[in-house]
């Protein structure tokens, strides 16, 4: 049913237990943050978060006030809805084991309130491999729940390969797609965008938006450095006018790369845990990408500045606690996390 190669499947558990720093580290020249001096005064502020799931959370997370304030301060938050939203899972055994994802509408509403994300400022991608984990009925239930919550969506075939949403005075085109699926190909493609080839996108889309942004579910899981094919696709997207790429699926943080005037954040890690309640510490590092986009006539839609804000998802009973890395208690964990981030972002 899935489209994962055998080598990928065999490596999943070893890499989950010990996320890898292997792979090509060359060419990642972009730092974790860059600021314009002097900073432009006319900007729209976007925040991109990683995969969002209830697999590791029986209750809404606790969130550091600084993270909640950051997410409340932006004009638009964009993330990946990794779990179907259903009241009663149809895949009961798999859901209990954690191999099939599901979360309730109440959980999502409580989680968004806990982390400071306003529903009317949220856009969630449904282009991921788990979105049909509860079947076609679960997919339909997910769409209905998000509509009730007032949350906008991207990554469905109904909306087309590029879907437009406003953020302040800007119109942003979102090309959300997944390269991976866990369901039957025909059933999946009929509902979820797998349009990773920009040649499939509408003609003239660049003239219809101020900024073209890709939100891909790509690469291999639990690897801090993206595969060559992933980087090649990033270059292809940039060559077709994409100026901002915020990736998911690796479940660990990955580097940032500048390709011409395009910014590529290959992997933001998980925002809420997606793979079992117990997880080794490298997989608990997440990031929030905040991007300032210019709205002035001289450079409308251009990226003025960006910063990755790193945090840890600390297990606490039946839920997680989101804590900025700099606020971790001094000790072995904080040293290990700092060393890991240094290895990724100084390559």
C-alpha atoms as a PDB file:
ATOM      1  CA  UNK A   1       0.000   0.000   0.000  1.00  0.00           C
ATOM      2  CA  UNK A   2       2.765   2.462   0.883  1.00  0.00           C
ATOM      3  CA  UNK A   3       5.419   3.702  -1.548  1.00  0.00           C
ATOM      4  CA  UNK A   4       8.450   3.406   0.765  1.00  0.00           C
ATOM      5  CA  UNK A   5      11.464   1.492  -0.583  1.00  0.00           C
ATOM      6  CA  UNK A   6      12.517  -1.599   1.376  1.00  0.00           C
ATOM      7  CA  UNK A   7      15.775   0.014   2.557  1.00  0.00           C
ATOM      8  CA  UNK A   8      13.731   2.848   4.055  1.00  0.00           C
ATOM      9  CA  UNK A   9      11.437   0.448   5.908  1.00  0.00           C
ATOM     10  CA  UNK A  10      14.360  -1.548   7.307  1.00  0.00           C
ATOM     11  CA  UNK A  11      16.110   1.586   8.550  1.00  0.00           C
ATOM     12  CA  UNK A  12      13.068   3.153  10.242  1.00  0.00           C
ATOM     13  CA  UNK A  13      13.437   1.631  13.716  1.00  0.00           C
ATOM     14  CA  UNK A  14      17.254   1.993  14.002  1.00  0.00           C
ATOM     15  CA  UNK A  15      17.037   5.634  12.949  1.00  0.00           C
ATOM     16  CA  UNK A  16      14.077   6.277  15.282  1.00  0.00           C
ATOM     17  CA  UNK A  17      16.133   4.934  18.175  1.00  0.00           C
ATOM     18  CA  UNK A  18      19.237   6.835  17.084  1.00  0.00           C
ATOM     19  CA  UNK A  19      18.608   9.763  14.679  1.00  0.00           C
ATOM     20  CA  UNK A  20      21.464  10.092  12.216  1.00  0.00           C
ATOM     21  CA  UNK A  21      23.937  12.915  11.609  1.00  0.00           C
ATOM     22  CA  UNK A  22      25.186  11.112   8.507  1.00  0.00           C
ATOM     23  CA  UNK A  23      24.836  12.342   4.952  1.00  0.00           C
ATOM     24  CA  UNK A  24      26.156  15.219   2.860  1.00  0.00           C
ATOM     25  CA  UNK A  25      26.862  18.260   5.072  1.00  0.00           C
ATOM     26  CA  UNK A  26      28.290  20.459   2.322  1.00  0.00           C
ATOM     27  CA  UNK A  27      26.699  23.646   1.045  1.00  0.00           C
ATOM     28  CA  UNK A  28      24.393  24.544   3.914  1.00  0.00           C
ATOM     29  CA  UNK A  29      25.638  28.103   4.118  1.00  0.00           C
ATOM     30  CA  UNK A  30      22.518  29.694   5.585  1.00  0.00           C
ATOM     31  CA  UNK A  31      22.603  30.231   9.359  1.00  0.00           C
ATOM     32  CA  UNK A  32      19.724  29.493  11.727  1.00  0.00           C
ATOM     33  CA  UNK A  33      18.872  33.201  11.751  1.00  0.00           C
ATOM     34  CA  UNK A  34      19.508  36.263   9.628  1.00  0.00           C
ATOM     35  CA  UNK A  35      18.332  39.819  10.172  1.00  0.00           C
ATOM     36  CA  UNK A  36      18.229  42.808   7.844  1.00  0.00           C
ATOM     37  CA  UNK A  37      19.988  45.954   9.036  1.00  0.00           C
ATOM     38  CA  UNK A  38      18.198  48.294   9.034  1.00  0.00           C
ATOM     39  CA  UNK A  39      15.054  46.163   9.363  1.00  0.00           C
ATOM     40  CA  UNK A  40      12.175  47.127   7.028  1.00  0.00           C
ATOM     41  CA  UNK A  41       9.154  48.550   8.810  1.00  0.00           C
ATOM     42  CA  UNK A  42       6.496  47.108   6.489  1.00  0.00           C
ATOM     43  CA  UNK A  43       6.416  43.327   6.882  1.00  0.00           C
ATOM     44  CA  UNK A  44       4.090  40.389   7.438  1.00  0.00           C
ATOM     45  CA  UNK A  45       5.237  37.858   9.989  1.00  0.00           C
ATOM     46  CA  UNK A  46       4.815  34.148   9.243  1.00  0.00           C
ATOM     47  CA  UNK A  47       5.517  31.192  11.540  1.00  0.00           C
ATOM     48  CA  UNK A  48       6.018  27.641  10.303  1.00  0.00           C
ATOM     49  CA  UNK A  49       5.698  24.752  12.743  1.00  0.00           C
ATOM     50  CA  UNK A  50       6.457  21.061  12.266  1.00  0.00           C
ATOM     51  CA  UNK A  51       4.291  17.952  12.354  1.00  0.00           C
ATOM     52  CA  UNK A  52       1.353  18.094  14.762  1.00  0.00           C
ATOM     53  CA  UNK A  53      -0.064  14.885  16.236  1.00  0.00           C
ATOM     54  CA  UNK A  54      -1.664  13.421  19.355  1.00  0.00           C
ATOM     55  CA  UNK A  55       0.293  10.135  19.268  1.00  0.00           C
ATOM     56  CA  UNK A  56       2.527  11.176  22.192  1.00  0.00           C
ATOM     57  CA  UNK A  57      -0.135  13.267  23.931  1.00  0.00           C
ATOM     58  CA  UNK A  58      -3.244  12.026  25.723  1.00  0.00           C
ATOM     59  CA  UNK A  59      -3.903  15.609  26.810  1.00  0.00           C
ATOM     60  CA  UNK A  60      -3.056  19.076  25.498  1.00  0.00           C
ATOM     61  CA  UNK A  61       0.594  20.112  25.920  1.00  0.00           C
ATOM     62  CA  UNK A  62       2.012  22.557  28.400  1.00  0.00           C
ATOM     63  CA  UNK A  63       3.746  25.426  26.664  1.00  0.00           C
ATOM     64  CA  UNK A  64       6.381  27.881  27.829  1.00  0.00           C
ATOM     65  CA  UNK A  65       4.897  31.418  27.840  1.00  0.00           C
ATOM     66  CA  UNK A  66       7.654  32.612  25.508  1.00  0.00           C
ATOM     67  CA  UNK A  67       6.702  30.094  22.812  1.00  0.00           C
ATOM     68  CA  UNK A  68       3.008  30.915  23.172  1.00  0.00           C
ATOM     69  CA  UNK A  69       3.735  34.643  22.943  1.00  0.00           C
ATOM     70  CA  UNK A  70       5.837  34.092  19.815  1.00  0.00           C
ATOM     71  CA  UNK A  71       3.067  32.153  18.069  1.00  0.00           C
ATOM     72  CA  UNK A  72       0.442  34.675  19.123  1.00  0.00           C
ATOM     73  CA  UNK A  73       2.487  37.538  17.658  1.00  0.00           C
ATOM     74  CA  UNK A  74       2.500  36.424  14.014  1.00  0.00           C
ATOM     75  CA  UNK A  75       0.083  37.124  11.177  1.00  0.00           C
ATOM     76  CA  UNK A  76      -0.158  33.516   9.997  1.00  0.00           C
ATOM     77  CA  UNK A  77       0.915  30.100  11.335  1.00  0.00           C
ATOM     78  CA  UNK A  78       1.473  27.205   8.911  1.00  0.00           C
ATOM     79  CA  UNK A  79       1.874  23.602  10.024  1.00  0.00           C
ATOM     80  CA  UNK A  80       1.292  19.970   9.100  1.00  0.00           C
ATOM     81  CA  UNK A  81      -1.730  18.094  10.479  1.00  0.00           C
ATOM     82  CA  UNK A  82      -0.157  14.651  10.849  1.00  0.00           C
ATOM     83  CA  UNK A  83      -3.171  12.993  12.517  1.00  0.00           C
ATOM     84  CA  UNK A  84      -6.697  12.589  11.119  1.00  0.00           C
ATOM     85  CA  UNK A  85      -9.281  14.293  13.336  1.00  0.00           C
ATOM     86  CA  UNK A  86     -11.903  11.717  14.318  1.00  0.00           C
ATOM     87  CA  UNK A  87     -14.052  11.018  17.349  1.00  0.00           C
ATOM     88  CA  UNK A  88     -13.822   7.221  17.065  1.00  0.00           C
ATOM     89  CA  UNK A  89     -10.813   5.702  15.241  1.00  0.00           C
ATOM     90  CA  UNK A  90     -11.737   3.026  12.718  1.00  0.00           C
ATOM     91  CA  UNK A  91      -8.249   1.474  12.790  1.00  0.00           C
ATOM     92  CA  UNK A  92      -8.519   0.605  16.490  1.00  0.00           C
ATOM     93  CA  UNK A  93      -5.536  -1.736  16.936  1.00  0.00           C
ATOM     94  CA  UNK A  94      -3.108   0.386  14.902  1.00  0.00           C
ATOM     95  CA  UNK A  95      -4.215   3.540  16.700  1.00  0.00           C
ATOM     96  CA  UNK A  96      -3.554   1.956  20.096  1.00  0.00           C
ATOM     97  CA  UNK A  97      -0.110   0.821  18.958  1.00  0.00           C
ATOM     98  CA  UNK A  98       0.696   4.274  17.533  1.00  0.00           C
ATOM     99  CA  UNK A  99       1.220   3.082  13.959  1.00  0.00           C
ATOM    100  CA  UNK A 100      -2.065   4.692  12.868  1.00  0.00           C
ATOM    101  CA  UNK A 101      -2.626   8.311  13.808  1.00  0.00           C
ATOM    102  CA  UNK A 102      -5.749   9.961  15.187  1.00  0.00           C
ATOM    103  CA  UNK A 103      -6.702  12.923  17.342  1.00  0.00           C
ATOM    104  CA  UNK A 104      -9.986  14.365  18.481  1.00  0.00           C
ATOM    105  CA  UNK A 105     -11.357  17.777  17.601  1.00  0.00           C
ATOM    106  CA  UNK A 106     -11.303  18.659  21.289  1.00  0.00           C
ATOM    107  CA  UNK A 107      -7.620  17.734  21.578  1.00  0.00           C
ATOM    108  CA  UNK A 108      -6.686  19.964  18.644  1.00  0.00           C
ATOM    109  CA  UNK A 109      -8.736  22.887  19.962  1.00  0.00           C
ATOM    110  CA  UNK A 110      -7.184  22.559  23.429  1.00  0.00           C
ATOM    111  CA  UNK A 111      -3.664  22.174  21.997  1.00  0.00           C
ATOM    112  CA  UNK A 112      -3.991  25.304  19.851  1.00  0.00           C
ATOM    113  CA  UNK A 113      -5.231  27.303  22.829  1.00  0.00           C
ATOM    114  CA  UNK A 114      -2.359  26.004  24.967  1.00  0.00           C
ATOM    115  CA  UNK A 115       0.331  27.064  22.492  1.00  0.00           C
ATOM    116  CA  UNK A 116      -1.116  30.467  21.631  1.00  0.00           C
ATOM    117  CA  UNK A 117      -2.233  29.798  18.047  1.00  0.00           C
ATOM    118  CA  UNK A 118      -5.410  31.594  17.003  1.00  0.00           C
ATOM    119  CA  UNK A 119      -7.537  29.357  14.773  1.00  0.00           C
ATOM    120  CA  UNK A 120      -8.293  32.135  12.281  1.00  0.00           C
ATOM    121  CA  UNK A 121      -4.552  32.635  11.784  1.00  0.00           C
ATOM    122  CA  UNK A 122      -3.776  28.955  11.194  1.00  0.00           C
ATOM    123  CA  UNK A 123      -3.269  27.050   7.945  1.00  0.00           C
ATOM    124  CA  UNK A 124      -2.761  23.284   8.183  1.00  0.00           C
ATOM    125  CA  UNK A 125      -1.435  21.034   5.447  1.00  0.00           C
ATOM    126  CA  UNK A 126      -3.153  17.679   4.964  1.00  0.00           C
ATOM    127  CA  UNK A 127      -0.532  16.524   2.469  1.00  0.00           C
ATOM    128  CA  UNK A 128       1.170  13.815   4.489  1.00  0.00           C
ATOM    129  CA  UNK A 129       1.411  10.032   4.578  1.00  0.00           C
ATOM    130  CA  UNK A 130      -0.838   9.582   7.653  1.00  0.00           C
ATOM    131  CA  UNK A 131      -3.844  11.601   6.535  1.00  0.00           C
ATOM    132  CA  UNK A 132      -5.784   8.476   5.434  1.00  0.00           C
ATOM    133  CA  UNK A 133      -4.833   6.434   8.517  1.00  0.00           C
ATOM    134  CA  UNK A 134      -8.520   6.294   9.503  1.00  0.00           C
ATOM    135  CA  UNK A 135      -9.742   5.674   5.980  1.00  0.00           C
ATOM    136  CA  UNK A 136     -11.661   7.853   3.554  1.00  0.00           C
ATOM    137  CA  UNK A 137     -14.369   8.470   6.157  1.00  0.00           C
ATOM    138  CA  UNK A 138     -11.693   9.710   8.562  1.00  0.00           C
ATOM    139  CA  UNK A 139     -10.337  12.063   5.896  1.00  0.00           C
ATOM    140  CA  UNK A 140     -13.817  13.508   5.343  1.00  0.00           C
ATOM    141  CA  UNK A 141     -14.310  13.835   9.106  1.00  0.00           C
ATOM    142  CA  UNK A 142     -10.992  15.699   9.342  1.00  0.00           C
ATOM    143  CA  UNK A 143     -12.071  18.249   6.751  1.00  0.00           C
ATOM    144  CA  UNK A 144     -15.387  18.786   8.520  1.00  0.00           C
ATOM    145  CA  UNK A 145     -13.704  19.218  11.927  1.00  0.00           C
ATOM    146  CA  UNK A 146     -11.217  21.790  10.621  1.00  0.00           C
ATOM    147  CA  UNK A 147     -14.040  23.698   8.962  1.00  0.00           C
ATOM    148  CA  UNK A 148     -15.938  23.811  12.274  1.00  0.00           C
ATOM    149  CA  UNK A 149     -12.809  25.046  14.041  1.00  0.00           C
ATOM    150  CA  UNK A 150     -12.275  27.762  11.422  1.00  0.00           C
ATOM    151  CA  UNK A 151      -8.852  26.420  10.422  1.00  0.00           C
ATOM    152  CA  UNK A 152      -7.819  26.795   6.775  1.00  0.00           C
ATOM    153  CA  UNK A 153      -6.295  23.858   4.896  1.00  0.00           C
ATOM    154  CA  UNK A 154      -3.837  23.223   2.079  1.00  0.00           C
ATOM    155  CA  UNK A 155      -2.571  20.068   0.401  1.00  0.00           C
ATOM    156  CA  UNK A 156      -5.870  18.592  -0.821  1.00  0.00           C
ATOM    157  CA  UNK A 157      -6.603  17.898  -4.479  1.00  0.00           C
ATOM    158  CA  UNK A 158      -9.878  19.825  -4.279  1.00  0.00           C
ATOM    159  CA  UNK A 159      -7.991  23.056  -3.700  1.00  0.00           C
ATOM    160  CA  UNK A 160      -5.557  22.493  -6.563  1.00  0.00           C
ATOM    161  CA  UNK A 161      -1.766  22.196  -6.558  1.00  0.00           C
ATOM    162  CA  UNK A 162      -1.303  25.801  -5.342  1.00  0.00           C
ATOM    163  CA  UNK A 163      -3.791  27.257  -2.873  1.00  0.00           C
ATOM    164  CA  UNK A 164      -3.921  30.942  -2.012  1.00  0.00           C
ATOM    165  CA  UNK A 165      -4.357  32.429   1.452  1.00  0.00           C
ATOM    166  CA  UNK A 166      -3.945  35.963   2.738  1.00  0.00           C
ATOM    167  CA  UNK A 167      -1.634  37.145   5.492  1.00  0.00           C
ATOM    168  CA  UNK A 168      -2.142  40.822   6.177  1.00  0.00           C
ATOM    169  CA  UNK A 169      -1.972  42.616   2.811  1.00  0.00           C
ATOM    170  CA  UNK A 170      -0.110  39.729   1.126  1.00  0.00           C
ATOM    171  CA  UNK A 171      -1.485  36.898  -0.984  1.00  0.00           C
ATOM    172  CA  UNK A 172       0.602  33.757  -0.504  1.00  0.00           C
ATOM    173  CA  UNK A 173       0.441  30.724  -2.769  1.00  0.00           C
ATOM    174  CA  UNK A 174       0.994  27.453  -0.889  1.00  0.00           C
ATOM    175  CA  UNK A 175       2.112  24.383  -2.812  1.00  0.00           C
ATOM    176  CA  UNK A 176       1.675  21.663  -0.175  1.00  0.00           C
ATOM    177  CA  UNK A 177       2.415  18.111  -1.283  1.00  0.00           C
ATOM    178  CA  UNK A 178       3.643  14.774   0.006  1.00  0.00           C
ATOM    179  CA  UNK A 179       6.067  12.396  -1.647  1.00  0.00           C
ATOM    180  CA  UNK A 180       4.984   9.584   0.698  1.00  0.00           C
ATOM    181  CA  UNK A 181       1.712   7.760   1.248  1.00  0.00           C
ATOM    182  CA  UNK A 182       0.556   4.922   3.494  1.00  0.00           C
ATOM    183  CA  UNK A 183      -2.593   4.102   1.540  1.00  0.00           C
ATOM    184  CA  UNK A 184      -3.685   2.805  -1.851  1.00  0.00           C
ATOM    185  CA  UNK A 185      -2.309   5.019  -4.613  1.00  0.00           C
ATOM    186  CA  UNK A 186      -5.583   5.737  -6.416  1.00  0.00           C
ATOM    187  CA  UNK A 187      -7.497   6.352  -3.183  1.00  0.00           C
ATOM    188  CA  UNK A 188      -4.757   8.603  -1.856  1.00  0.00           C
ATOM    189  CA  UNK A 189      -4.069  10.646  -5.000  1.00  0.00           C
ATOM    190  CA  UNK A 190      -7.771  11.335  -5.445  1.00  0.00           C
ATOM    191  CA  UNK A 191      -7.732  13.338  -2.215  1.00  0.00           C
ATOM    192  CA  UNK A 192      -4.195  14.376  -1.267  1.00  0.00           C
ATOM    193  CA  UNK A 193      -1.755  16.442  -3.295  1.00  0.00           C
ATOM    194  CA  UNK A 194       1.351  14.620  -4.494  1.00  0.00           C
ATOM    195  CA  UNK A 195       2.115  17.415  -6.981  1.00  0.00           C
ATOM    196  CA  UNK A 196       5.809  17.796  -6.163  1.00  0.00           C
ATOM    197  CA  UNK A 197       6.684  18.606  -9.768  1.00  0.00           C
ATOM    198  CA  UNK A 198       6.233  22.356 -10.348  1.00  0.00           C
ATOM    199  CA  UNK A 199       5.529  21.603 -13.996  1.00  0.00           C
ATOM    200  CA  UNK A 200       2.111  20.363 -12.769  1.00  0.00           C
ATOM    201  CA  UNK A 201       1.267  23.687 -11.139  1.00  0.00           C
ATOM    202  CA  UNK A 202      -1.043  26.290 -12.747  1.00  0.00           C
ATOM    203  CA  UNK A 203       0.466  28.557 -15.366  1.00  0.00           C
ATOM    204  CA  UNK A 204       0.794  32.185 -14.327  1.00  0.00           C
ATOM    205  CA  UNK A 205       0.684  31.419 -10.613  1.00  0.00           C
ATOM    206  CA  UNK A 206       3.599  33.773  -9.893  1.00  0.00           C
ATOM    207  CA  UNK A 207       1.585  36.705 -11.233  1.00  0.00           C
ATOM    208  CA  UNK A 208      -1.329  35.805  -8.946  1.00  0.00           C
ATOM    209  CA  UNK A 209       0.560  35.782  -5.623  1.00  0.00           C
ATOM    210  CA  UNK A 210       3.020  37.954  -3.754  1.00  0.00           C
ATOM    211  CA  UNK A 211       4.995  34.958  -2.476  1.00  0.00           C
ATOM    212  CA  UNK A 212       5.076  31.344  -3.616  1.00  0.00           C
ATOM    213  CA  UNK A 213       5.724  28.956  -0.732  1.00  0.00           C
ATOM    214  CA  UNK A 214       6.190  25.175  -0.835  1.00  0.00           C
ATOM    215  CA  UNK A 215       5.201  22.985   2.118  1.00  0.00           C
ATOM    216  CA  UNK A 216       6.575  19.536   1.217  1.00  0.00           C
ATOM    217  CA  UNK A 217       6.288  16.286   3.160  1.00  0.00           C
ATOM    218  CA  UNK A 218       9.545  14.812   1.898  1.00  0.00           C
ATOM    219  CA  UNK A 219      12.909  13.246   2.706  1.00  0.00           C
ATOM    220  CA  UNK A 220      13.653  10.226   4.939  1.00  0.00           C
ATOM    221  CA  UNK A 221      12.717  10.137   8.610  1.00  0.00           C
ATOM    222  CA  UNK A 222      15.101  10.619  11.549  1.00  0.00           C
ATOM    223  CA  UNK A 223      18.011  11.922   9.480  1.00  0.00           C
ATOM    224  CA  UNK A 224      19.313  15.400  10.249  1.00  0.00           C
ATOM    225  CA  UNK A 225      20.780  15.939   6.776  1.00  0.00           C
ATOM    226  CA  UNK A 226      18.491  15.674   3.742  1.00  0.00           C
ATOM    227  CA  UNK A 227      19.046  13.187   0.928  1.00  0.00           C
ATOM    228  CA  UNK A 228      20.581  14.437  -2.363  1.00  0.00           C
ATOM    229  CA  UNK A 229      17.245  13.907  -4.135  1.00  0.00           C
ATOM    230  CA  UNK A 230      15.539  16.193  -1.612  1.00  0.00           C
ATOM    231  CA  UNK A 231      18.080  18.946  -2.188  1.00  0.00           C
ATOM    232  CA  UNK A 232      17.732  18.520  -5.959  1.00  0.00           C
ATOM    233  CA  UNK A 233      13.960  18.965  -5.660  1.00  0.00           C
ATOM    234  CA  UNK A 234      14.520  22.117  -3.567  1.00  0.00           C
ATOM    235  CA  UNK A 235      16.670  23.559  -6.361  1.00  0.00           C
ATOM    236  CA  UNK A 236      13.984  22.676  -8.906  1.00  0.00           C
ATOM    237  CA  UNK A 237      11.304  24.380  -6.839  1.00  0.00           C
ATOM    238  CA  UNK A 238      13.460  27.491  -6.414  1.00  0.00           C
ATOM    239  CA  UNK A 239      14.060  27.511 -10.157  1.00  0.00           C
ATOM    240  CA  UNK A 240      10.302  27.717 -10.693  1.00  0.00           C
ATOM    241  CA  UNK A 241       9.831  30.777  -8.503  1.00  0.00           C
ATOM    242  CA  UNK A 242       9.342  29.264  -5.037  1.00  0.00           C
ATOM    243  CA  UNK A 243      10.937  31.668  -2.552  1.00  0.00           C
ATOM    244  CA  UNK A 244      10.169  29.880   0.705  1.00  0.00           C
ATOM    245  CA  UNK A 245      10.193  26.142   1.479  1.00  0.00           C
ATOM    246  CA  UNK A 246       9.269  24.741   4.902  1.00  0.00           C
ATOM    247  CA  UNK A 247       9.563  20.956   5.012  1.00  0.00           C
ATOM    248  CA  UNK A 248       8.161  18.178   7.195  1.00  0.00           C
ATOM    249  CA  UNK A 249       8.315  14.387   7.639  1.00  0.00           C
ATOM    250  CA  UNK A 250      11.887  13.869   8.892  1.00  0.00           C
ATOM    251  CA  UNK A 251      10.669  14.342  12.517  1.00  0.00           C
ATOM    252  CA  UNK A 252      14.060  15.845  13.397  1.00  0.00           C
ATOM    253  CA  UNK A 253      15.435  19.318  12.714  1.00  0.00           C
ATOM    254  CA  UNK A 254      17.372  19.746   9.478  1.00  0.00           C
ATOM    255  CA  UNK A 255      19.541  22.575   8.098  1.00  0.00           C
ATOM    256  CA  UNK A 256      18.563  25.758   6.331  1.00  0.00           C
ATOM    257  CA  UNK A 257      19.877  26.509   2.844  1.00  0.00           C
ATOM    258  CA  UNK A 258      19.786  29.592   0.657  1.00  0.00           C
ATOM    259  CA  UNK A 259      19.250  28.924  -3.072  1.00  0.00           C
ATOM    260  CA  UNK A 260      19.459  32.256  -4.871  1.00  0.00           C
ATOM    261  CA  UNK A 261      16.835  34.416  -3.179  1.00  0.00           C
ATOM    262  CA  UNK A 262      14.927  31.350  -1.927  1.00  0.00           C
ATOM    263  CA  UNK A 263      15.034  30.129   1.674  1.00  0.00           C
ATOM    264  CA  UNK A 264      14.806  26.381   2.319  1.00  0.00           C
ATOM    265  CA  UNK A 265      14.166  24.955   5.797  1.00  0.00           C
ATOM    266  CA  UNK A 266      14.405  21.252   5.025  1.00  0.00           C
ATOM    267  CA  UNK A 267      12.857  19.934   8.229  1.00  0.00           C
ATOM    268  CA  UNK A 268      11.387  21.667  11.282  1.00  0.00           C
ATOM    269  CA  UNK A 269      11.063  18.545  13.419  1.00  0.00           C
ATOM    270  CA  UNK A 270       7.856  17.701  15.271  1.00  0.00           C
ATOM    271  CA  UNK A 271       5.744  20.364  16.909  1.00  0.00           C
ATOM    272  CA  UNK A 272       3.809  17.751  18.906  1.00  0.00           C
ATOM    273  CA  UNK A 273       5.110  14.187  19.105  1.00  0.00           C
ATOM    274  CA  UNK A 274       4.135  11.940  16.220  1.00  0.00           C
ATOM    275  CA  UNK A 275       5.993   8.694  16.970  1.00  0.00           C
ATOM    276  CA  UNK A 276       5.275   6.995  20.283  1.00  0.00           C
ATOM    277  CA  UNK A 277       5.224   8.555  23.747  1.00  0.00           C
ATOM    278  CA  UNK A 278       8.778   7.392  24.482  1.00  0.00           C
ATOM    279  CA  UNK A 279      11.374   8.868  22.172  1.00  0.00           C
ATOM    280  CA  UNK A 280      15.111   9.513  22.355  1.00  0.00           C
ATOM    281  CA  UNK A 281      16.175  13.114  22.960  1.00  0.00           C
ATOM    282  CA  UNK A 282      17.348  14.067  19.406  1.00  0.00           C
ATOM    283  CA  UNK A 283      13.834  13.399  18.126  1.00  0.00           C
ATOM    284  CA  UNK A 284      12.428  15.747  20.769  1.00  0.00           C
ATOM    285  CA  UNK A 285      14.151  18.828  19.361  1.00  0.00           C
ATOM    286  CA  UNK A 286      11.757  20.966  17.367  1.00  0.00           C
ATOM    287  CA  UNK A 287      11.876  24.363  15.712  1.00  0.00           C
ATOM    288  CA  UNK A 288       9.601  27.225  14.746  1.00  0.00           C
ATOM    289  CA  UNK A 289      10.613  29.134  11.629  1.00  0.00           C
ATOM    290  CA  UNK A 290       9.598  32.789  11.825  1.00  0.00           C
ATOM    291  CA  UNK A 291       9.870  34.726   8.562  1.00  0.00           C
ATOM    292  CA  UNK A 292       9.431  38.439   7.967  1.00  0.00           C
ATOM    293  CA  UNK A 293       8.071  39.130   4.456  1.00  0.00           C
ATOM    294  CA  UNK A 294       8.177  42.626   3.008  1.00  0.00           C
ATOM    295  CA  UNK A 295       4.969  44.419   2.022  1.00  0.00           C
ATOM    296  CA  UNK A 296       6.439  47.691   0.707  1.00  0.00           C
ATOM    297  CA  UNK A 297       6.053  48.407  -3.004  1.00  0.00           C
ATOM    298  CA  UNK A 298       9.795  48.243  -3.660  1.00  0.00           C
ATOM    299  CA  UNK A 299      10.196  44.623  -2.524  1.00  0.00           C
ATOM    300  CA  UNK A 300       6.725  43.197  -1.954  1.00  0.00           C
ATOM    301  CA  UNK A 301       6.827  39.479  -1.125  1.00  0.00           C
ATOM    302  CA  UNK A 302      10.586  39.279  -0.559  1.00  0.00           C
ATOM    303  CA  UNK A 303      11.981  37.694   2.593  1.00  0.00           C
ATOM    304  CA  UNK A 304      13.437  40.367   4.845  1.00  0.00           C
ATOM    305  CA  UNK A 305      14.589  38.195   7.744  1.00  0.00           C
ATOM    306  CA  UNK A 306      14.093  34.813   9.365  1.00  0.00           C
ATOM    307  CA  UNK A 307      14.928  32.944  12.542  1.00  0.00           C
ATOM    308  CA  UNK A 308      14.629  29.359  13.769  1.00  0.00           C
ATOM    309  CA  UNK A 309      13.451  29.153  17.363  1.00  0.00           C
ATOM    310  CA  UNK A 310      14.477  25.808  18.876  1.00  0.00           C
ATOM    311  CA  UNK A 311      12.555  24.052  21.629  1.00  0.00           C
ATOM    312  CA  UNK A 312      12.347  20.668  23.354  1.00  0.00           C
ATOM    313  CA  UNK A 313       9.276  18.471  23.792  1.00  0.00           C
ATOM    314  CA  UNK A 314       9.716  17.080  27.283  1.00  0.00           C
ATOM    315  CA  UNK A 315       7.545  14.132  28.287  1.00  0.00           C
ATOM    316  CA  UNK A 316       5.359  14.786  31.306  1.00  0.00           C
ATOM    317  CA  UNK A 317       2.861  12.097  32.204  1.00  0.00           C
ATOM    318  CA  UNK A 318       0.418  11.744  29.361  1.00  0.00           C
ATOM    319  CA  UNK A 319       1.430  14.869  27.511  1.00  0.00           C
ATOM    320  CA  UNK A 320       4.402  16.988  26.455  1.00  0.00           C
ATOM    321  CA  UNK A 321       5.903  20.212  27.769  1.00  0.00           C
ATOM    322  CA  UNK A 322       7.315  22.632  25.175  1.00  0.00           C
ATOM    323  CA  UNK A 323      10.383  24.468  26.468  1.00  0.00           C
ATOM    324  CA  UNK A 324      12.811  26.760  24.572  1.00  0.00           C
ATOM    325  CA  UNK A 325      16.271  25.208  24.349  1.00  0.00           C
ATOM    326  CA  UNK A 326      17.810  28.218  26.076  1.00  0.00           C
ATOM    327  CA  UNK A 327      15.417  27.736  29.001  1.00  0.00           C
ATOM    328  CA  UNK A 328      16.394  24.103  29.650  1.00  0.00           C
ATOM    329  CA  UNK A 329      17.953  23.402  33.013  1.00  0.00           C
ATOM    330  CA  UNK A 330      21.739  23.454  32.940  1.00  0.00           C
ATOM    331  CA  UNK A 331      23.048  19.940  32.695  1.00  0.00           C
ATOM    332  CA  UNK A 332      23.769  17.011  30.410  1.00  0.00           C
ATOM    333  CA  UNK A 333      20.608  17.266  28.276  1.00  0.00           C
ATOM    334  CA  UNK A 334      21.108  20.947  27.482  1.00  0.00           C
ATOM    335  CA  UNK A 335      24.758  20.305  26.552  1.00  0.00           C
ATOM    336  CA  UNK A 336      23.814  17.425  24.255  1.00  0.00           C
ATOM    337  CA  UNK A 337      21.075  19.442  22.548  1.00  0.00           C
ATOM    338  CA  UNK A 338      23.408  22.416  22.020  1.00  0.00           C
ATOM    339  CA  UNK A 339      26.083  20.151  20.561  1.00  0.00           C
ATOM    340  CA  UNK A 340      23.575  18.503  18.216  1.00  0.00           C
ATOM    341  CA  UNK A 341      22.274  21.866  16.977  1.00  0.00           C
ATOM    342  CA  UNK A 342      25.865  23.044  16.520  1.00  0.00           C
ATOM    343  CA  UNK A 343      26.602  19.988  14.370  1.00  0.00           C
ATOM    344  CA  UNK A 344      23.571  20.623  12.178  1.00  0.00           C
ATOM    345  CA  UNK A 345      23.771  24.376  11.744  1.00  0.00           C
ATOM    346  CA  UNK A 346      27.520  24.900  11.474  1.00  0.00           C
ATOM    347  CA  UNK A 347      28.107  22.259   8.777  1.00  0.00           C
END
